[in-house]
Amino acid sequence: MPNPILVVEDDPDLRYLYTTALTQSNYDVIQARNSGEAINLLQSEDAPALIVMDISMPDAPGTKAIDFVRSEERLMNIPIIVITANEHYEERLTPIVERFFLKPVAISEIIRAVKELIP
């Protein structure tokens, strides 16, 4: 089984939804409530198989965590799926993330993208 998927989402309901859907699809999941928590996990844990993350968070934008991942040699190839309500990030992030979804997005679309990126 691949390493777990890291879900980074400050909204507890969405974090629960993503985690539950991924778990029911037979993926192991670790969670972070914000960018800082995600960066701490990424520094101290084995690299996740994939990252699902929001961009707008209270401590720092998710772009900070994405920039961290893309700058670290052991992490730079991790697929990232962004789920956000802020369409103005799309142009900046599309070249550096594997999938970009605008909220609301069907959970089936997220699961499909995960299965394509880590079969």
PDB file of N, CA and C in Angstrom:
ATOM      1  N   MET A   1       0.853  -1.190   0.000  1.00  0.00           N
ATOM      2  CA  MET A   1       0.000   0.000   0.000  1.00  0.00           C
ATOM      3  C   MET A   1       0.890   1.242   0.000  1.00  0.00           C
ATOM      4  N   PRO A   2       0.532   2.257  -0.796  1.00  0.00           N
ATOM      5  CA  PRO A   2       1.355   3.473  -0.838  1.00  0.00           C
ATOM      6  C   PRO A   2       1.294   4.237   0.482  1.00  0.00           C
ATOM      7  N   ASN A   3       2.197   5.175   0.618  1.00  0.00           N
ATOM      8  CA  ASN A   3       2.169   6.050   1.788  1.00  0.00           C
ATOM      9  C   ASN A   3       0.819   6.749   1.855  1.00  0.00           C
ATOM     10  N   PRO A   4       0.467   7.283   3.031  1.00  0.00           N
ATOM     11  CA  PRO A   4      -0.853   7.918   3.160  1.00  0.00           C
ATOM     12  C   PRO A   4      -0.996   9.183   2.317  1.00  0.00           C
ATOM     13  N   ILE A   5      -2.232   9.599   2.176  1.00  0.00           N
ATOM     14  CA  ILE A   5      -2.564  10.868   1.530  1.00  0.00           C
ATOM     15  C   ILE A   5      -2.658  11.913   2.634  1.00  0.00           C
ATOM     16  N   LEU A   6      -2.079  13.069   2.385  1.00  0.00           N
ATOM     17  CA  LEU A   6      -2.170  14.187   3.322  1.00  0.00           C
ATOM     18  C   LEU A   6      -3.310  15.091   2.893  1.00  0.00           C
ATOM     19  N   VAL A   7      -4.291  15.278   3.773  1.00  0.00           N
ATOM     20  CA  VAL A   7      -5.405  16.189   3.537  1.00  0.00           C
ATOM     21  C   VAL A   7      -5.158  17.438   4.373  1.00  0.00           C
ATOM     22  N   VAL A   8      -5.088  18.595   3.702  1.00  0.00           N
ATOM     23  CA  VAL A   8      -4.847  19.875   4.372  1.00  0.00           C
ATOM     24  C   VAL A   8      -6.071  20.753   4.135  1.00  0.00           C
ATOM     25  N   GLU A   9      -6.859  20.936   5.183  1.00  0.00           N
ATOM     26  CA  GLU A   9      -8.122  21.684   5.068  1.00  0.00           C
ATOM     27  C   GLU A   9      -8.476  22.258   6.431  1.00  0.00           C
ATOM     28  N   ASP A  10      -8.718  23.570   6.487  1.00  0.00           N
ATOM     29  CA  ASP A  10      -9.046  24.197   7.772  1.00  0.00           C
ATOM     30  C   ASP A  10     -10.505  24.009   8.176  1.00  0.00           C
ATOM     31  N   ASP A  11     -11.384  23.766   7.235  1.00  0.00           N
ATOM     32  CA  ASP A  11     -12.797  23.545   7.544  1.00  0.00           C
ATOM     33  C   ASP A  11     -12.966  22.104   8.036  1.00  0.00           C
ATOM     34  N   PRO A  12     -13.359  21.921   9.309  1.00  0.00           N
ATOM     35  CA  PRO A  12     -13.446  20.559   9.846  1.00  0.00           C
ATOM     36  C   PRO A  12     -14.445  19.669   9.114  1.00  0.00           C
ATOM     37  N   ASP A  13     -15.529  20.235   8.612  1.00  0.00           N
ATOM     38  CA  ASP A  13     -16.516  19.427   7.886  1.00  0.00           C
ATOM     39  C   ASP A  13     -15.952  18.916   6.568  1.00  0.00           C
ATOM     40  N   LEU A  14     -15.256  19.783   5.835  1.00  0.00           N
ATOM     41  CA  LEU A  14     -14.657  19.355   4.565  1.00  0.00           C
ATOM     42  C   LEU A  14     -13.512  18.383   4.803  1.00  0.00           C
ATOM     43  N   ARG A  15     -12.702  18.651   5.838  1.00  0.00           N
ATOM     44  CA  ARG A  15     -11.608  17.736   6.174  1.00  0.00           C
ATOM     45  C   ARG A  15     -12.172  16.347   6.480  1.00  0.00           C
ATOM     46  N   TYR A  16     -13.251  16.300   7.224  1.00  0.00           N
ATOM     47  CA  TYR A  16     -13.910  15.032   7.546  1.00  0.00           C
ATOM     48  C   TYR A  16     -14.445  14.366   6.270  1.00  0.00           C
ATOM     49  N   LEU A  17     -15.086  15.137   5.403  1.00  0.00           N
ATOM     50  CA  LEU A  17     -15.639  14.606   4.151  1.00  0.00           C
ATOM     51  C   LEU A  17     -14.543  13.999   3.285  1.00  0.00           C
ATOM     52  N   TYR A  18     -13.460  14.748   3.064  1.00  0.00           N
ATOM     53  CA  TYR A  18     -12.366  14.246   2.224  1.00  0.00           C
ATOM     54  C   TYR A  18     -11.733  13.002   2.847  1.00  0.00           C
ATOM     55  N   THR A  19     -11.489  13.061   4.150  1.00  0.00           N
ATOM     56  CA  THR A  19     -10.862  11.939   4.841  1.00  0.00           C
ATOM     57  C   THR A  19     -11.738  10.694   4.781  1.00  0.00           C
ATOM     58  N   THR A  20     -13.017  10.858   5.036  1.00  0.00           N
ATOM     59  CA  THR A  20     -13.944   9.721   5.007  1.00  0.00           C
ATOM     60  C   THR A  20     -14.026   9.117   3.610  1.00  0.00           C
ATOM     61  N   ALA A  21     -14.159   9.954   2.598  1.00  0.00           N
ATOM     62  CA  ALA A  21     -14.267   9.451   1.219  1.00  0.00           C
ATOM     63  C   ALA A  21     -12.990   8.721   0.804  1.00  0.00           C
ATOM     64  N   LEU A  22     -11.843   9.263   1.154  1.00  0.00           N
ATOM     65  CA  LEU A  22     -10.579   8.613   0.798  1.00  0.00           C
ATOM     66  C   LEU A  22     -10.394   7.304   1.560  1.00  0.00           C
ATOM     67  N   THR A  23     -10.753   7.296   2.833  1.00  0.00           N
ATOM     68  CA  THR A  23     -10.651   6.079   3.645  1.00  0.00           C
ATOM     69  C   THR A  23     -11.567   4.994   3.089  1.00  0.00           C
ATOM     70  N   GLN A  24     -12.783   5.387   2.698  1.00  0.00           N
ATOM     71  CA  GLN A  24     -13.718   4.417   2.123  1.00  0.00           C
ATOM     72  C   GLN A  24     -13.249   3.911   0.754  1.00  0.00           C
ATOM     73  N   SER A  25     -12.343   4.653   0.134  1.00  0.00           N
ATOM     74  CA  SER A  25     -11.764   4.231  -1.142  1.00  0.00           C
ATOM     75  C   SER A  25     -10.446   3.476  -0.925  1.00  0.00           C
ATOM     76  N   ASN A  26     -10.225   3.050   0.329  1.00  0.00           N
ATOM     77  CA  ASN A  26      -9.062   2.231   0.707  1.00  0.00           C
ATOM     78  C   ASN A  26      -7.720   2.961   0.711  1.00  0.00           C
ATOM     79  N   TYR A  27      -7.746   4.260   1.003  1.00  0.00           N
ATOM     80  CA  TYR A  27      -6.508   5.011   1.173  1.00  0.00           C
ATOM     81  C   TYR A  27      -6.315   5.319   2.654  1.00  0.00           C
ATOM     82  N   ASP A  28      -5.061   5.299   3.096  1.00  0.00           N
ATOM     83  CA  ASP A  28      -4.738   5.789   4.429  1.00  0.00           C
ATOM     84  C   ASP A  28      -4.618   7.299   4.323  1.00  0.00           C
ATOM     85  N   VAL A  29      -5.046   8.003   5.373  1.00  0.00           N
ATOM     86  CA  VAL A  29      -5.072   9.467   5.345  1.00  0.00           C
ATOM     87  C   VAL A  29      -4.453  10.022   6.618  1.00  0.00           C
ATOM     88  N   ILE A  30      -3.652  11.069   6.456  1.00  0.00           N
ATOM     89  CA  ILE A  30      -3.221  11.893   7.582  1.00  0.00           C
ATOM     90  C   ILE A  30      -3.780  13.283   7.321  1.00  0.00           C
ATOM     91  N   GLN A  31      -3.993  14.034   8.385  1.00  0.00           N
ATOM     92  CA  GLN A  31      -4.670  15.323   8.256  1.00  0.00           C
ATOM     93  C   GLN A  31      -3.850  16.456   8.849  1.00  0.00           C
ATOM     94  N   ALA A  32      -4.021  17.621   8.250  1.00  0.00           N
ATOM     95  CA  ALA A  32      -3.470  18.866   8.783  1.00  0.00           C
ATOM     96  C   ALA A  32      -4.561  19.924   8.690  1.00  0.00           C
ATOM     97  N   ARG A  33      -4.640  20.758   9.720  1.00  0.00           N
ATOM     98  CA  ARG A  33      -5.681  21.793   9.771  1.00  0.00           C
ATOM     99  C   ARG A  33      -5.281  23.095   9.096  1.00  0.00           C
ATOM    100  N   ASN A  34      -3.993  23.242   8.763  1.00  0.00           N
ATOM    101  CA  ASN A  34      -3.531  24.481   8.141  1.00  0.00           C
ATOM    102  C   ASN A  34      -2.169  24.256   7.484  1.00  0.00           C
ATOM    103  N   SER A  35      -1.654  25.294   6.847  1.00  0.00           N
ATOM    104  CA  SER A  35      -0.379  25.182   6.131  1.00  0.00           C
ATOM    105  C   SER A  35       0.784  24.883   7.061  1.00  0.00           C
ATOM    106  N   GLY A  36       0.818  25.552   8.201  1.00  0.00           N
ATOM    107  CA  GLY A  36       1.911  25.333   9.151  1.00  0.00           C
ATOM    108  C   GLY A  36       1.952  23.899   9.642  1.00  0.00           C
ATOM    109  N   GLU A  37       0.787  23.355   9.967  1.00  0.00           N
ATOM    110  CA  GLU A  37       0.701  21.961  10.412  1.00  0.00           C
ATOM    111  C   GLU A  37       1.143  21.023   9.288  1.00  0.00           C
ATOM    112  N   ALA A  38       0.760  21.332   8.068  1.00  0.00           N
ATOM    113  CA  ALA A  38       1.143  20.507   6.917  1.00  0.00           C
ATOM    114  C   ALA A  38       2.664  20.516   6.744  1.00  0.00           C
ATOM    115  N   ILE A  39       3.267  21.683   6.823  1.00  0.00           N
ATOM    116  CA  ILE A  39       4.725  21.778   6.664  1.00  0.00           C
ATOM    117  C   ILE A  39       5.428  21.011   7.780  1.00  0.00           C
ATOM    118  N   ASN A  40       4.939  21.134   9.010  1.00  0.00           N
ATOM    119  CA  ASN A  40       5.529  20.377  10.122  1.00  0.00           C
ATOM    120  C   ASN A  40       5.449  18.869   9.867  1.00  0.00           C
ATOM    121  N   LEU A  41       4.289  18.390   9.416  1.00  0.00           N
ATOM    122  CA  LEU A  41       4.143  16.964   9.096  1.00  0.00           C
ATOM    123  C   LEU A  41       5.099  16.549   7.983  1.00  0.00           C
ATOM    124  N   LEU A  42       5.193  17.377   6.960  1.00  0.00           N
ATOM    125  CA  LEU A  42       6.045  17.050   5.822  1.00  0.00           C
ATOM    126  C   LEU A  42       7.524  17.024   6.209  1.00  0.00           C
ATOM    127  N   GLN A  43       7.909  17.810   7.193  1.00  0.00           N
ATOM    128  CA  GLN A  43       9.295  17.819   7.656  1.00  0.00           C
ATOM    129  C   GLN A  43       9.618  16.611   8.521  1.00  0.00           C
ATOM    130  N   SER A  44       8.620  16.082   9.225  1.00  0.00           N
ATOM    131  CA  SER A  44       8.896  15.047  10.219  1.00  0.00           C
ATOM    132  C   SER A  44       8.429  13.647   9.842  1.00  0.00           C
ATOM    133  N   GLU A  45       7.591  13.520   8.870  1.00  0.00           N
ATOM    134  CA  GLU A  45       7.027  12.222   8.498  1.00  0.00           C
ATOM    135  C   GLU A  45       7.595  11.766   7.157  1.00  0.00           C
ATOM    136  N   ASP A  46       7.341  10.484   6.838  1.00  0.00           N
ATOM    137  CA  ASP A  46       7.646  10.013   5.492  1.00  0.00           C
ATOM    138  C   ASP A  46       6.799  10.814   4.511  1.00  0.00           C
ATOM    139  N   ALA A  47       7.282  10.947   3.307  1.00  0.00           N
ATOM    140  CA  ALA A  47       6.552  11.700   2.290  1.00  0.00           C
ATOM    141  C   ALA A  47       5.213  11.028   1.998  1.00  0.00           C
ATOM    142  N   PRO A  48       4.133  11.808   1.939  1.00  0.00           N
ATOM    143  CA  PRO A  48       2.841  11.212   1.571  1.00  0.00           C
ATOM    144  C   PRO A  48       2.838  10.838   0.090  1.00  0.00           C
ATOM    145  N   ALA A  49       1.903   9.983  -0.268  1.00  0.00           N
ATOM    146  CA  ALA A  49       1.762   9.577  -1.666  1.00  0.00           C
ATOM    147  C   ALA A  49       1.180  10.700  -2.507  1.00  0.00           C
ATOM    148  N   LEU A  50       0.389  11.566  -1.860  1.00  0.00           N
ATOM    149  CA  LEU A  50      -0.346  12.618  -2.557  1.00  0.00           C
ATOM    150  C   LEU A  50      -0.824  13.620  -1.514  1.00  0.00           C
ATOM    151  N   ILE A  51      -1.051  14.856  -1.937  1.00  0.00           N
ATOM    152  CA  ILE A  51      -1.574  15.899  -1.054  1.00  0.00           C
ATOM    153  C   ILE A  51      -2.860  16.459  -1.660  1.00  0.00           C
ATOM    154  N   VAL A  52      -3.899  16.536  -0.834  1.00  0.00           N
ATOM    155  CA  VAL A  52      -5.158  17.192  -1.192  1.00  0.00           C
ATOM    156  C   VAL A  52      -5.240  18.409  -0.297  1.00  0.00           C
ATOM    157  N   MET A  53      -5.324  19.613  -0.889  1.00  0.00           N
ATOM    158  CA  MET A  53      -5.296  20.779  -0.018  1.00  0.00           C
ATOM    159  C   MET A  53      -6.104  21.964  -0.490  1.00  0.00           C
ATOM    160  N   ASP A  54      -6.546  22.693   0.515  1.00  0.00           N
ATOM    161  CA  ASP A  54      -7.217  23.970   0.327  1.00  0.00           C
ATOM    162  C   ASP A  54      -6.129  25.034   0.193  1.00  0.00           C
ATOM    163  N   ILE A  55      -6.494  26.206  -0.273  1.00  0.00           N
ATOM    164  CA  ILE A  55      -5.537  27.304  -0.376  1.00  0.00           C
ATOM    165  C   ILE A  55      -5.785  28.364   0.693  1.00  0.00           C
ATOM    166  N   SER A  56      -7.027  28.740   0.905  1.00  0.00           N
ATOM    167  CA  SER A  56      -7.345  29.781   1.886  1.00  0.00           C
ATOM    168  C   SER A  56      -7.437  29.186   3.279  1.00  0.00           C
ATOM    169  N   MET A  57      -6.444  29.519   4.108  1.00  0.00           N
ATOM    170  CA  MET A  57      -6.413  29.017   5.475  1.00  0.00           C
ATOM    171  C   MET A  57      -6.006  30.154   6.412  1.00  0.00           C
ATOM    172  N   PRO A  58      -6.351  30.033   7.681  1.00  0.00           N
ATOM    173  CA  PRO A  58      -6.144  31.154   8.601  1.00  0.00           C
ATOM    174  C   PRO A  58      -4.684  31.491   8.914  1.00  0.00           C
ATOM    175  N   ASP A  59      -3.792  30.522   8.927  1.00  0.00           N
ATOM    176  CA  ASP A  59      -2.414  30.817   9.327  1.00  0.00           C
ATOM    177  C   ASP A  59      -1.560  31.344   8.179  1.00  0.00           C
ATOM    178  N   ALA A  60      -1.643  30.710   7.047  1.00  0.00           N
ATOM    179  CA  ALA A  60      -0.873  31.095   5.860  1.00  0.00           C
ATOM    180  C   ALA A  60      -1.551  30.440   4.670  1.00  0.00           C
ATOM    181  N   PRO A  61      -1.477  31.053   3.517  1.00  0.00           N
ATOM    182  CA  PRO A  61      -2.124  30.425   2.359  1.00  0.00           C
ATOM    183  C   PRO A  61      -1.487  29.076   2.040  1.00  0.00           C
ATOM    184  N   GLY A  62      -2.289  28.197   1.472  1.00  0.00           N
ATOM    185  CA  GLY A  62      -1.790  26.894   1.072  1.00  0.00           C
ATOM    186  C   GLY A  62      -0.652  26.980   0.081  1.00  0.00           C
ATOM    187  N   THR A  63      -0.541  28.113  -0.603  1.00  0.00           N
ATOM    188  CA  THR A  63       0.568  28.283  -1.541  1.00  0.00           C
ATOM    189  C   THR A  63       1.907  28.186  -0.824  1.00  0.00           C
ATOM    190  N   LYS A  64       1.943  28.563   0.454  1.00  0.00           N
ATOM    191  CA  LYS A  64       3.187  28.441   1.233  1.00  0.00           C
ATOM    192  C   LYS A  64       3.583  26.977   1.352  1.00  0.00           C
ATOM    193  N   ALA A  65       2.627  26.111   1.641  1.00  0.00           N
ATOM    194  CA  ALA A  65       2.908  24.679   1.745  1.00  0.00           C
ATOM    195  C   ALA A  65       3.278  24.099   0.380  1.00  0.00           C
ATOM    196  N   ILE A  66       2.591  24.539  -0.668  1.00  0.00           N
ATOM    197  CA  ILE A  66       2.916  24.060  -2.019  1.00  0.00           C
ATOM    198  C   ILE A  66       4.332  24.465  -2.392  1.00  0.00           C
ATOM    199  N   ASP A  67       4.688  25.723  -2.128  1.00  0.00           N
ATOM    200  CA  ASP A  67       6.046  26.185  -2.427  1.00  0.00           C
ATOM    201  C   ASP A  67       7.083  25.375  -1.645  1.00  0.00           C
ATOM    202  N   PHE A  68       6.765  25.046  -0.391  1.00  0.00           N
ATOM    203  CA  PHE A  68       7.664  24.226   0.417  1.00  0.00           C
ATOM    204  C   PHE A  68       7.846  22.853  -0.230  1.00  0.00           C
ATOM    205  N   VAL A  69       6.759  22.209  -0.603  1.00  0.00           N
ATOM    206  CA  VAL A  69       6.824  20.875  -1.219  1.00  0.00           C
ATOM    207  C   VAL A  69       7.650  20.917  -2.494  1.00  0.00           C
ATOM    208  N   ARG A  70       7.391  21.883  -3.338  1.00  0.00           N
ATOM    209  CA  ARG A  70       8.092  21.962  -4.624  1.00  0.00           C
ATOM    210  C   ARG A  70       9.562  22.350  -4.482  1.00  0.00           C
ATOM    211  N   SER A  71       9.971  22.883  -3.328  1.00  0.00           N
ATOM    212  CA  SER A  71      11.363  23.283  -3.126  1.00  0.00           C
ATOM    213  C   SER A  71      12.206  22.212  -2.434  1.00  0.00           C
ATOM    214  N   GLU A  72      11.568  21.182  -1.904  1.00  0.00           N
ATOM    215  CA  GLU A  72      12.273  20.112  -1.185  1.00  0.00           C
ATOM    216  C   GLU A  72      12.488  18.921  -2.106  1.00  0.00           C
ATOM    217  N   GLU A  73      13.736  18.501  -2.267  1.00  0.00           N
ATOM    218  CA  GLU A  73      14.050  17.424  -3.209  1.00  0.00           C
ATOM    219  C   GLU A  73      13.281  16.139  -2.921  1.00  0.00           C
ATOM    220  N   ARG A  74      13.135  15.758  -1.652  1.00  0.00           N
ATOM    221  CA  ARG A  74      12.453  14.497  -1.339  1.00  0.00           C
ATOM    222  C   ARG A  74      10.932  14.586  -1.484  1.00  0.00           C
ATOM    223  N   LEU A  75      10.400  15.814  -1.623  1.00  0.00           N
ATOM    224  CA  LEU A  75       8.951  16.014  -1.710  1.00  0.00           C
ATOM    225  C   LEU A  75       8.478  16.515  -3.073  1.00  0.00           C
ATOM    226  N   MET A  76       9.372  17.055  -3.859  1.00  0.00           N
ATOM    227  CA  MET A  76       8.979  17.828  -5.050  1.00  0.00           C
ATOM    228  C   MET A  76       8.142  17.075  -6.071  1.00  0.00           C
ATOM    229  N   ASN A  77       8.184  15.753  -6.056  1.00  0.00           N
ATOM    230  CA  ASN A  77       7.410  14.981  -7.043  1.00  0.00           C
ATOM    231  C   ASN A  77       6.082  14.464  -6.516  1.00  0.00           C
ATOM    232  N   ILE A  78       5.710  14.868  -5.313  1.00  0.00           N
ATOM    233  CA  ILE A  78       4.426  14.444  -4.755  1.00  0.00           C
ATOM    234  C   ILE A  78       3.298  15.129  -5.538  1.00  0.00           C
ATOM    235  N   PRO A  79       2.339  14.363  -6.031  1.00  0.00           N
ATOM    236  CA  PRO A  79       1.200  14.987  -6.711  1.00  0.00           C
ATOM    237  C   PRO A  79       0.370  15.817  -5.715  1.00  0.00           C
ATOM    238  N   ILE A  80      -0.093  16.963  -6.175  1.00  0.00           N
ATOM    239  CA  ILE A  80      -0.906  17.852  -5.348  1.00  0.00           C
ATOM    240  C   ILE A  80      -2.225  18.128  -6.057  1.00  0.00           C
ATOM    241  N   ILE A  81      -3.308  17.959  -5.297  1.00  0.00           N
ATOM    242  CA  ILE A  81      -4.644  18.320  -5.765  1.00  0.00           C
ATOM    243  C   ILE A  81      -5.096  19.511  -4.938  1.00  0.00           C
ATOM    244  N   VAL A  82      -5.386  20.616  -5.590  1.00  0.00           N
ATOM    245  CA  VAL A  82      -5.859  21.824  -4.921  1.00  0.00           C
ATOM    246  C   VAL A  82      -7.375  21.906  -5.067  1.00  0.00           C
ATOM    247  N   ILE A  83      -8.031  22.204  -3.942  1.00  0.00           N
ATOM    248  CA  ILE A  83      -9.479  22.412  -3.932  1.00  0.00           C
ATOM    249  C   ILE A  83      -9.704  23.745  -3.242  1.00  0.00           C
ATOM    250  N   THR A  84     -10.195  24.736  -3.984  1.00  0.00           N
ATOM    251  CA  THR A  84     -10.338  26.073  -3.419  1.00  0.00           C
ATOM    252  C   THR A  84     -11.547  26.794  -4.006  1.00  0.00           C
ATOM    253  N   ALA A  85     -12.012  27.793  -3.285  1.00  0.00           N
ATOM    254  CA  ALA A  85     -13.093  28.643  -3.779  1.00  0.00           C
ATOM    255  C   ALA A  85     -12.532  29.873  -4.489  1.00  0.00           C
ATOM    256  N   ASN A  86     -11.226  30.037  -4.464  1.00  0.00           N
ATOM    257  CA  ASN A  86     -10.583  31.234  -5.022  1.00  0.00           C
ATOM    258  C   ASN A  86     -10.007  30.959  -6.402  1.00  0.00           C
ATOM    259  N   GLU A  87     -10.775  31.310  -7.420  1.00  0.00           N
ATOM    260  CA  GLU A  87     -10.355  31.019  -8.790  1.00  0.00           C
ATOM    261  C   GLU A  87      -9.119  31.795  -9.220  1.00  0.00           C
ATOM    262  N   HIS A  88      -8.785  32.900  -8.536  1.00  0.00           N
ATOM    263  CA  HIS A  88      -7.622  33.679  -8.956  1.00  0.00           C
ATOM    264  C   HIS A  88      -6.295  32.940  -8.737  1.00  0.00           C
ATOM    265  N   TYR A  89      -6.305  31.822  -8.020  1.00  0.00           N
ATOM    266  CA  TYR A  89      -5.098  31.013  -7.840  1.00  0.00           C
ATOM    267  C   TYR A  89      -4.851  30.066  -9.018  1.00  0.00           C
ATOM    268  N   GLU A  90      -5.857  29.852  -9.830  1.00  0.00           N
ATOM    269  CA  GLU A  90      -5.754  28.838 -10.878  1.00  0.00           C
ATOM    270  C   GLU A  90      -4.585  29.086 -11.832  1.00  0.00           C
ATOM    271  N   GLU A  91      -4.426  30.296 -12.306  1.00  0.00           N
ATOM    272  CA  GLU A  91      -3.359  30.587 -13.264  1.00  0.00           C
ATOM    273  C   GLU A  91      -1.978  30.333 -12.664  1.00  0.00           C
ATOM    274  N   ARG A  92      -1.795  30.747 -11.398  1.00  0.00           N
ATOM    275  CA  ARG A  92      -0.496  30.568 -10.753  1.00  0.00           C
ATOM    276  C   ARG A  92      -0.213  29.098 -10.442  1.00  0.00           C
ATOM    277  N   LEU A  93      -1.234  28.353 -10.018  1.00  0.00           N
ATOM    278  CA  LEU A  93      -1.014  26.999  -9.523  1.00  0.00           C
ATOM    279  C   LEU A  93      -1.105  25.901 -10.570  1.00  0.00           C
ATOM    280  N   THR A  94      -1.859  26.100 -11.629  1.00  0.00           N
ATOM    281  CA  THR A  94      -2.038  25.044 -12.624  1.00  0.00           C
ATOM    282  C   THR A  94      -0.703  24.486 -13.141  1.00  0.00           C
ATOM    283  N   PRO A  95       0.321  25.314 -13.353  1.00  0.00           N
ATOM    284  CA  PRO A  95       1.591  24.742 -13.835  1.00  0.00           C
ATOM    285  C   PRO A  95       2.345  23.906 -12.788  1.00  0.00           C
ATOM    286  N   ILE A  96       2.031  24.051 -11.497  1.00  0.00           N
ATOM    287  CA  ILE A  96       2.835  23.362 -10.475  1.00  0.00           C
ATOM    288  C   ILE A  96       2.063  22.331  -9.662  1.00  0.00           C
ATOM    289  N   VAL A  97       0.765  22.190  -9.917  1.00  0.00           N
ATOM    290  CA  VAL A  97      -0.014  21.142  -9.240  1.00  0.00           C
ATOM    291  C   VAL A  97      -0.635  20.242 -10.306  1.00  0.00           C
ATOM    292  N   GLU A  98      -0.984  19.020  -9.871  1.00  0.00           N
ATOM    293  CA  GLU A  98      -1.508  18.051 -10.834  1.00  0.00           C
ATOM    294  C   GLU A  98      -2.983  18.254 -11.150  1.00  0.00           C
ATOM    295  N   ARG A  99      -3.758  18.718 -10.178  1.00  0.00           N
ATOM    296  CA  ARG A  99      -5.187  18.995 -10.401  1.00  0.00           C
ATOM    297  C   ARG A  99      -5.589  20.241  -9.637  1.00  0.00           C
ATOM    298  N   PHE A 100      -6.513  21.000 -10.211  1.00  0.00           N
ATOM    299  CA  PHE A 100      -7.036  22.220  -9.586  1.00  0.00           C
ATOM    300  C   PHE A 100      -8.548  22.168  -9.696  1.00  0.00           C
ATOM    301  N   PHE A 101      -9.225  22.157  -8.543  1.00  0.00           N
ATOM    302  CA  PHE A 101     -10.683  22.139  -8.515  1.00  0.00           C
ATOM    303  C   PHE A 101     -11.204  23.369  -7.796  1.00  0.00           C
ATOM    304  N   LEU A 102     -12.269  23.948  -8.351  1.00  0.00           N
ATOM    305  CA  LEU A 102     -12.963  25.041  -7.671  1.00  0.00           C
ATOM    306  C   LEU A 102     -14.116  24.464  -6.865  1.00  0.00           C
ATOM    307  N   LYS A 103     -14.259  24.945  -5.634  1.00  0.00           N
ATOM    308  CA  LYS A 103     -15.396  24.548  -4.792  1.00  0.00           C
ATOM    309  C   LYS A 103     -16.649  25.213  -5.333  1.00  0.00           C
ATOM    310  N   PRO A 104     -17.773  24.550  -5.310  1.00  0.00           N
ATOM    311  CA  PRO A 104     -17.960  23.179  -4.836  1.00  0.00           C
ATOM    312  C   PRO A 104     -17.537  22.187  -5.910  1.00  0.00           C
ATOM    313  N   VAL A 105     -16.989  21.075  -5.460  1.00  0.00           N
ATOM    314  CA  VAL A 105     -16.571  20.002  -6.367  1.00  0.00           C
ATOM    315  C   VAL A 105     -17.147  18.697  -5.826  1.00  0.00           C
ATOM    316  N   ALA A 106     -17.579  17.857  -6.721  1.00  0.00           N
ATOM    317  CA  ALA A 106     -18.119  16.558  -6.311  1.00  0.00           C
ATOM    318  C   ALA A 106     -17.004  15.697  -5.754  1.00  0.00           C
ATOM    319  N   ILE A 107     -17.280  15.033  -4.662  1.00  0.00           N
ATOM    320  CA  ILE A 107     -16.276  14.160  -4.044  1.00  0.00           C
ATOM    321  C   ILE A 107     -15.835  13.069  -5.019  1.00  0.00           C
ATOM    322  N   SER A 108     -16.729  12.658  -5.899  1.00  0.00           N
ATOM    323  CA  SER A 108     -16.372  11.638  -6.899  1.00  0.00           C
ATOM    324  C   SER A 108     -15.273  12.146  -7.836  1.00  0.00           C
ATOM    325  N   GLU A 109     -15.263  13.437  -8.123  1.00  0.00           N
ATOM    326  CA  GLU A 109     -14.208  14.024  -8.966  1.00  0.00           C
ATOM    327  C   GLU A 109     -12.854  13.975  -8.261  1.00  0.00           C
ATOM    328  N   ILE A 110     -12.871  14.235  -6.968  1.00  0.00           N
ATOM    329  CA  ILE A 110     -11.635  14.192  -6.183  1.00  0.00           C
ATOM    330  C   ILE A 110     -11.097  12.762  -6.149  1.00  0.00           C
ATOM    331  N   ILE A 111     -11.964  11.813  -5.866  1.00  0.00           N
ATOM    332  CA  ILE A 111     -11.555  10.407  -5.805  1.00  0.00           C
ATOM    333  C   ILE A 111     -11.033   9.949  -7.163  1.00  0.00           C
ATOM    334  N   ARG A 112     -11.692  10.350  -8.229  1.00  0.00           N
ATOM    335  CA  ARG A 112     -11.232   9.997  -9.590  1.00  0.00           C
ATOM    336  C   ARG A 112      -9.822  10.541  -9.820  1.00  0.00           C
ATOM    337  N   ALA A 113      -9.583  11.782  -9.435  1.00  0.00           N
ATOM    338  CA  ALA A 113      -8.255  12.380  -9.622  1.00  0.00           C
ATOM    339  C   ALA A 113      -7.207  11.644  -8.798  1.00  0.00           C
ATOM    340  N   VAL A 114      -7.538  11.294  -7.561  1.00  0.00           N
ATOM    341  CA  VAL A 114      -6.601  10.545  -6.714  1.00  0.00           C
ATOM    342  C   VAL A 114      -6.258   9.218  -7.370  1.00  0.00           C
ATOM    343  N   LYS A 115      -7.260   8.497  -7.857  1.00  0.00           N
ATOM    344  CA  LYS A 115      -7.031   7.202  -8.490  1.00  0.00           C
ATOM    345  C   LYS A 115      -6.191   7.326  -9.758  1.00  0.00           C
ATOM    346  N   GLU A 116      -6.317   8.426 -10.476  1.00  0.00           N
ATOM    347  CA  GLU A 116      -5.494   8.643 -11.656  1.00  0.00           C
ATOM    348  C   GLU A 116      -4.039   8.928 -11.282  1.00  0.00           C
ATOM    349  N   LEU A 117      -3.846   9.636 -10.165  1.00  0.00           N
ATOM    350  CA  LEU A 117      -2.500  10.053  -9.767  1.00  0.00           C
ATOM    351  C   LEU A 117      -1.744   9.006  -8.961  1.00  0.00           C
ATOM    352  N   ILE A 118      -2.455   8.199  -8.186  1.00  0.00           N
ATOM    353  CA  ILE A 118      -1.822   7.096  -7.455  1.00  0.00           C
ATOM    354  C   ILE A 118      -2.682   5.844  -7.604  1.00  0.00           C
ATOM    355  N   PRO A 119      -2.586   5.187  -8.753  1.00  0.00           N
ATOM    356  CA  PRO A 119      -3.428   4.023  -9.041  1.00  0.00           C
ATOM    357  C   PRO A 119      -3.215   2.883  -8.051  1.00  0.00           C
TER     358      PRO A 119
END
